[in-house]
Amino acid sequence: MKIARIETAAGPAFAAQATDATWVPLERLGIAASTTADVIEHLDAVRERLDRPGGGIADPVLLCPIVRPAKILAIGLNYMDHIRETGATRPEHPIVFAKFPNALNDPGGRVVMDARLTSQGDYEAELAVVIGRSTRGISESEVTAHLFGYTVANDVSARDWQRRDGQFDRSKSFDTFCPIGPWITTVDEVPDPQALAIRSRVNGELRQDSSTREMIFSVQHLVWYIARGMTLEPGDVILTGTPHGVGVAMDPPRYLVPGDIVECEVDGLGTLRNEVVAPPG
């Protein structure tokens, strides 16, 4: 099943994709959901009622499907091909940092790149994991049962501030720096998250072209590792790292500028398409 958040005449609404590929607002199924956690709570009812005929919307504007998460976590240096291109040392344990909710952006939203703040904006196509159950202290074999689904993210980064700060949180949490979507695909439709092609393009030029097989730490290991010490809640998101081909690793580096169109895709999960813009005024 695919769950999206869409524009309707009444405003933003969560919706499920019907068999005819239209999107049915959950309210038309008698389900009230204002956050991603609400959708997860009522997922069984969504499945039961989705076969009702009619009520679907074709080609709506898609919005960010992550609403009011308790946590957005991300992983650094988790692809071997990215390790090779940067000359970094392979980490012994996952490198975990935070992106904050103010960074959330729509799958077709504009990424604001303010030249007064950064001259080194960069893209990172990533597989994102959405937690489905309260999770702490589980085994790796139990992880899949605790997941809601998968989606696509762009971990936009200000590389100059990443270096100056000596940590990742602020440089990756500027407003608009976390496009996510275009929808969430439930975990039952993704048999192997470690066998997905992942790509990014800038202005149509292929930049990243890899597979989640290159991940050093698997989805199962990441969730297990993080949940050893902190409780993950329904609707929390983990961005699982990016492969080779980022702008900072090119010679010379190629950073984002207003007017660029960045596309990030994971096979079977959809594509983000975001324009880079200067701030208003």
Protein backbone atom coordinates (compact mmCIF):
# COMPACT_ATOMS: atom_id res chain seq x y z
CA MET A 1 0.00 0.00 0.00
CA LYS A 2 1.07 3.57 -0.67
CA ILE A 3 0.19 6.37 1.73
CA ALA A 4 0.55 10.00 0.63
CA ARG A 5 -0.45 13.42 1.82
CA ILE A 6 -2.22 15.42 -0.86
CA GLU A 7 -3.81 18.78 -1.57
CA THR A 8 -7.61 18.67 -1.59
CA ALA A 9 -10.26 21.36 -1.85
CA ALA A 10 -10.55 21.18 1.93
CA GLY A 11 -6.79 21.40 2.50
CA PRO A 12 -3.98 18.88 3.03
CA ALA A 13 -5.12 15.32 3.72
CA PHE A 14 -3.61 11.88 4.04
CA ALA A 15 -4.69 9.49 1.29
CA ALA A 16 -4.18 5.87 0.25
CA GLN A 17 -3.65 4.73 -3.31
CA ALA A 18 -6.48 2.58 -4.69
CA THR A 19 -6.11 -0.20 -7.26
CA ASP A 20 -6.98 2.26 -10.05
CA ALA A 21 -3.95 4.38 -8.98
CA THR A 22 -6.13 7.24 -7.71
CA TRP A 23 -5.67 8.61 -4.21
CA VAL A 24 -8.51 8.22 -1.72
CA PRO A 25 -8.48 10.73 1.18
CA LEU A 26 -8.68 8.83 4.44
CA GLU A 27 -11.56 11.00 5.61
CA ARG A 28 -13.65 9.47 2.79
CA LEU A 29 -12.94 6.12 4.43
CA GLY A 30 -14.20 7.45 7.75
CA ILE A 31 -10.68 7.77 9.17
CA ALA A 32 -9.38 10.95 10.80
CA ALA A 33 -5.62 11.38 10.57
CA SER A 34 -3.68 14.60 11.04
CA THR A 35 -0.21 13.11 11.64
CA THR A 36 1.78 10.21 10.22
CA ALA A 37 1.42 8.45 13.57
CA ASP A 38 -2.39 8.72 13.23
CA VAL A 39 -2.22 6.96 9.85
CA ILE A 40 -0.10 4.18 11.34
CA GLU A 41 -2.57 3.73 14.20
CA HIS A 42 -5.46 3.26 11.76
CA LEU A 43 -3.61 1.33 9.04
CA ASP A 44 -5.68 -1.85 9.48
CA ALA A 45 -8.89 0.13 8.97
CA VAL A 46 -7.42 1.78 5.87
CA ARG A 47 -6.66 -1.63 4.38
CA GLU A 48 -10.17 -2.91 5.15
CA ARG A 49 -12.00 0.08 3.69
CA LEU A 50 -9.85 0.99 0.69
CA ASP A 51 -11.71 -1.38 -1.65
CA ARG A 52 -14.83 0.73 -1.46
CA PRO A 53 -15.48 2.08 -4.97
CA GLY A 54 -15.19 5.75 -5.89
CA GLY A 55 -13.79 8.78 -4.18
CA GLY A 56 -10.29 8.69 -5.65
CA ILE A 57 -8.39 11.73 -6.89
CA ALA A 58 -6.15 11.40 -9.95
CA ASP A 59 -2.79 13.23 -10.07
CA PRO A 60 -3.11 15.39 -6.94
CA VAL A 61 -0.37 17.68 -5.69
CA LEU A 62 1.71 15.53 -3.34
CA LEU A 63 2.87 16.92 -0.01
CA CYS A 64 5.38 15.70 2.56
CA PRO A 65 3.92 12.51 4.10
CA ILE A 66 5.84 12.99 7.35
CA VAL A 67 3.89 15.14 9.80
CA ARG A 68 4.97 15.91 13.37
CA PRO A 69 7.61 13.20 13.80
CA ALA A 70 9.18 12.95 17.24
CA LYS A 71 12.55 12.32 15.62
CA ILE A 72 14.27 12.56 12.25
CA LEU A 73 17.59 10.73 12.41
CA ALA A 74 20.18 10.28 9.69
CA ILE A 75 23.28 8.19 9.10
CA GLY A 76 26.64 9.44 7.85
CA LEU A 77 29.16 7.52 5.72
CA ASN A 78 27.00 4.42 5.28
CA TYR A 79 27.80 3.52 1.65
CA MET A 80 31.08 1.90 0.67
CA ASP A 81 31.13 3.69 -2.69
CA HIS A 82 30.73 7.03 -0.84
CA ILE A 83 33.57 6.02 1.50
CA ARG A 84 35.77 5.34 -1.51
CA GLU A 85 35.00 8.64 -3.26
CA THR A 86 35.64 10.75 -0.14
CA GLY A 87 38.66 8.81 1.10
CA ALA A 88 37.01 8.55 4.51
CA THR A 89 37.66 5.78 7.00
CA ARG A 90 34.99 3.10 7.17
CA PRO A 91 33.14 3.62 10.46
CA GLU A 92 33.08 0.81 13.00
CA HIS A 93 29.60 1.83 14.16
CA PRO A 94 26.80 3.87 12.56
CA ILE A 95 27.32 7.63 12.61
CA VAL A 96 23.98 8.99 13.82
CA PHE A 97 22.90 12.64 13.66
CA ALA A 98 19.63 14.58 13.67
CA LYS A 99 17.72 16.56 11.08
CA PHE A 100 15.04 18.69 12.66
CA PRO A 101 11.37 18.92 11.60
CA ASN A 102 11.72 22.52 10.33
CA ALA A 103 13.78 21.04 7.46
CA LEU A 104 10.90 18.92 6.15
CA ASN A 105 9.89 19.74 2.59
CA ASP A 106 7.41 18.49 0.02
CA PRO A 107 8.45 16.03 -2.72
CA GLY A 108 7.99 18.84 -5.24
CA GLY A 109 8.84 21.72 -2.91
CA ARG A 110 11.47 24.39 -3.37
CA VAL A 111 14.82 24.07 -1.60
CA VAL A 112 15.91 27.51 -0.43
CA MET A 113 19.65 28.09 -0.83
CA ASP A 114 20.64 31.42 0.74
CA ALA A 115 24.02 32.61 -0.54
CA ARG A 116 24.38 34.75 2.59
CA LEU A 117 24.42 31.54 4.67
CA THR A 118 26.09 28.93 2.46
CA SER A 119 27.91 28.69 -0.84
CA GLN A 120 28.23 24.91 -0.67
CA GLY A 121 24.74 23.41 -0.82
CA ASP A 122 24.74 19.73 -1.75
CA TYR A 123 22.29 16.90 -2.42
CA GLU A 124 22.16 13.36 -1.00
CA ALA A 125 19.64 10.82 -2.31
CA GLU A 126 18.64 8.45 0.49
CA LEU A 127 16.36 5.58 1.38
CA ALA A 128 14.28 6.64 4.39
CA VAL A 129 12.67 4.30 6.91
CA VAL A 130 9.47 5.14 8.79
CA ILE A 131 8.96 3.50 12.18
CA GLY A 132 5.60 1.81 12.76
CA ARG A 133 5.67 0.69 16.41
CA SER A 134 7.22 1.86 19.64
CA THR A 135 10.65 0.27 19.41
CA ARG A 136 13.39 -0.23 21.97
CA GLY A 137 15.69 -3.11 22.85
CA ILE A 138 14.63 -5.46 20.05
CA SER A 139 16.74 -7.93 18.07
CA GLU A 140 17.68 -7.35 14.42
CA SER A 141 15.33 -10.18 13.42
CA GLU A 142 12.40 -8.27 14.96
CA VAL A 143 13.06 -4.98 13.16
CA THR A 144 10.88 -5.48 10.08
CA ALA A 145 7.80 -6.07 12.24
CA HIS A 146 8.40 -2.64 13.80
CA LEU A 147 8.54 -0.71 10.53
CA PHE A 148 5.70 1.14 8.80
CA GLY A 149 7.34 1.65 5.44
CA TYR A 150 9.94 3.23 3.20
CA THR A 151 10.20 6.47 1.27
CA VAL A 152 12.74 8.70 -0.52
CA ALA A 153 14.62 11.60 1.05
CA ASN A 154 17.12 14.23 -0.02
CA ASP A 155 19.50 14.99 2.84
CA VAL A 156 20.36 18.50 1.62
CA SER A 157 23.55 19.75 3.27
CA ALA A 158 25.52 22.99 3.71
CA ARG A 159 29.02 21.54 3.40
CA ASP A 160 30.84 24.69 4.54
CA TRP A 161 28.93 24.74 7.83
CA GLN A 162 29.29 20.98 8.17
CA ARG A 163 33.07 21.47 8.26
CA ARG A 164 33.03 24.63 10.39
CA ASP A 165 30.69 23.23 13.03
CA GLY A 166 32.52 19.90 13.27
CA GLN A 167 29.16 18.11 13.42
CA PHE A 168 26.20 17.59 11.11
CA ASP A 169 22.99 18.69 12.82
CA ARG A 170 22.82 22.40 11.96
CA SER A 171 24.30 22.18 8.46
CA LYS A 172 21.68 19.61 7.48
CA SER A 173 18.69 21.22 9.19
CA PHE A 174 18.26 24.53 7.40
CA ASP A 175 14.64 25.20 6.48
CA THR A 176 13.56 23.14 3.42
CA PHE A 177 16.67 20.88 3.61
CA CYS A 178 14.73 17.60 3.93
CA PRO A 179 12.40 16.84 1.01
CA ILE A 180 10.63 13.52 1.64
CA GLY A 181 8.15 11.52 -0.41
CA PRO A 182 6.47 11.32 -2.79
CA TRP A 183 4.64 8.78 -0.63
CA ILE A 184 5.32 6.05 1.92
CA THR A 185 5.32 2.48 0.62
CA THR A 186 4.34 0.05 3.37
CA VAL A 187 6.95 -2.44 4.47
CA ASP A 188 5.08 -5.48 3.08
CA GLU A 189 5.64 -4.18 -0.48
CA VAL A 190 9.44 -3.95 -0.13
CA PRO A 191 10.75 -7.52 0.24
CA ASP A 192 14.42 -6.52 0.46
CA PRO A 193 15.41 -2.94 1.33
CA GLN A 194 19.04 -3.89 0.63
CA ALA A 195 18.37 -4.51 -3.07
CA LEU A 196 17.07 -1.15 -4.29
CA ALA A 197 18.60 1.04 -7.00
CA ILE A 198 19.12 4.63 -5.86
CA ARG A 199 19.92 7.65 -8.06
CA SER A 200 20.05 11.42 -8.20
CA ARG A 201 20.12 13.86 -11.09
CA VAL A 202 20.86 17.57 -11.23
CA ASN A 203 19.34 19.35 -14.24
CA GLY A 204 18.89 15.94 -15.87
CA GLU A 205 22.53 14.91 -15.40
CA LEU A 206 22.96 11.60 -13.57
CA ARG A 207 25.05 12.23 -10.45
CA GLN A 208 24.40 9.29 -8.12
CA ASP A 209 23.76 5.78 -9.44
CA SER A 210 24.10 2.99 -6.92
CA SER A 211 22.25 0.37 -4.89
CA THR A 212 21.35 -0.05 -1.24
CA ARG A 213 23.54 -3.15 -1.41
CA GLU A 214 26.42 -0.70 -0.91
CA MET A 215 25.17 0.14 2.59
CA ILE A 216 27.66 -0.76 5.31
CA PHE A 217 24.99 -1.02 8.00
CA SER A 218 21.66 -2.50 6.88
CA VAL A 219 18.24 -1.13 7.72
CA GLN A 220 17.80 -3.89 10.30
CA HIS A 221 21.13 -3.11 11.93
CA LEU A 222 20.51 0.64 12.01
CA VAL A 223 17.12 0.34 13.72
CA TRP A 224 18.50 -2.21 16.18
CA TYR A 225 21.52 -0.03 16.92
CA ILE A 226 19.57 3.19 17.47
CA ALA A 227 16.82 1.52 19.50
CA ARG A 228 19.32 0.04 21.94
CA GLY A 229 19.45 3.37 23.75
CA MET A 230 16.45 5.44 22.62
CA THR A 231 12.83 4.61 22.04
CA LEU A 232 11.73 5.04 18.43
CA GLU A 233 8.09 6.07 18.08
CA PRO A 234 5.55 5.56 15.28
CA GLY A 235 6.20 8.15 12.58
CA ASP A 236 9.88 8.61 13.41
CA VAL A 237 12.13 8.66 10.35
CA ILE A 238 15.65 7.36 9.71
CA LEU A 239 17.58 8.50 6.62
CA THR A 240 19.95 5.63 5.92
CA GLY A 241 22.87 7.33 4.14
CA THR A 242 23.83 8.31 0.60
CA PRO A 243 25.94 6.68 -2.14
CA HIS A 244 28.75 8.10 -4.24
CA GLY A 245 28.25 11.03 -6.61
CA VAL A 246 27.64 13.93 -4.23
CA GLY A 247 28.76 17.38 -5.35
CA VAL A 248 31.37 17.90 -2.64
CA ALA A 249 33.34 14.84 -3.81
CA MET A 250 33.67 16.00 -7.42
CA ASP A 251 36.85 17.58 -8.79
CA PRO A 252 36.20 20.45 -8.68
CA PRO A 253 33.20 20.32 -6.31
CA ARG A 254 29.85 21.12 -7.90
CA TYR A 255 27.46 22.74 -5.48
CA LEU A 256 23.80 23.62 -5.91
CA VAL A 257 22.74 27.06 -7.11
CA PRO A 258 19.33 28.67 -7.62
CA GLY A 259 17.70 27.34 -10.75
CA ASP A 260 19.00 23.79 -10.33
CA ILE A 261 16.49 20.94 -10.43
CA VAL A 262 17.41 18.03 -8.19
CA GLU A 263 15.77 14.63 -8.62
CA CYS A 264 16.25 11.81 -6.13
CA GLU A 265 14.77 8.38 -6.72
CA VAL A 266 14.70 4.90 -5.26
CA ASP A 267 13.36 2.18 -7.54
CA GLY A 268 9.80 1.27 -6.65
CA LEU A 269 9.46 4.06 -4.11
CA GLY A 270 9.12 7.13 -6.33
CA THR A 271 11.03 10.30 -7.20
CA LEU A 272 11.52 13.67 -5.56
CA ARG A 273 11.86 16.67 -7.86
CA ASN A 274 12.90 19.88 -6.12
CA GLU A 275 13.92 23.24 -7.55
CA VAL A 276 16.70 25.15 -5.79
CA VAL A 277 15.75 28.80 -5.27
CA ALA A 278 17.13 31.91 -3.63
CA PRO A 279 15.23 33.24 -0.61
CA PRO A 280 12.41 35.71 -1.31
CA GLY A 281 13.66 39.23 -1.89
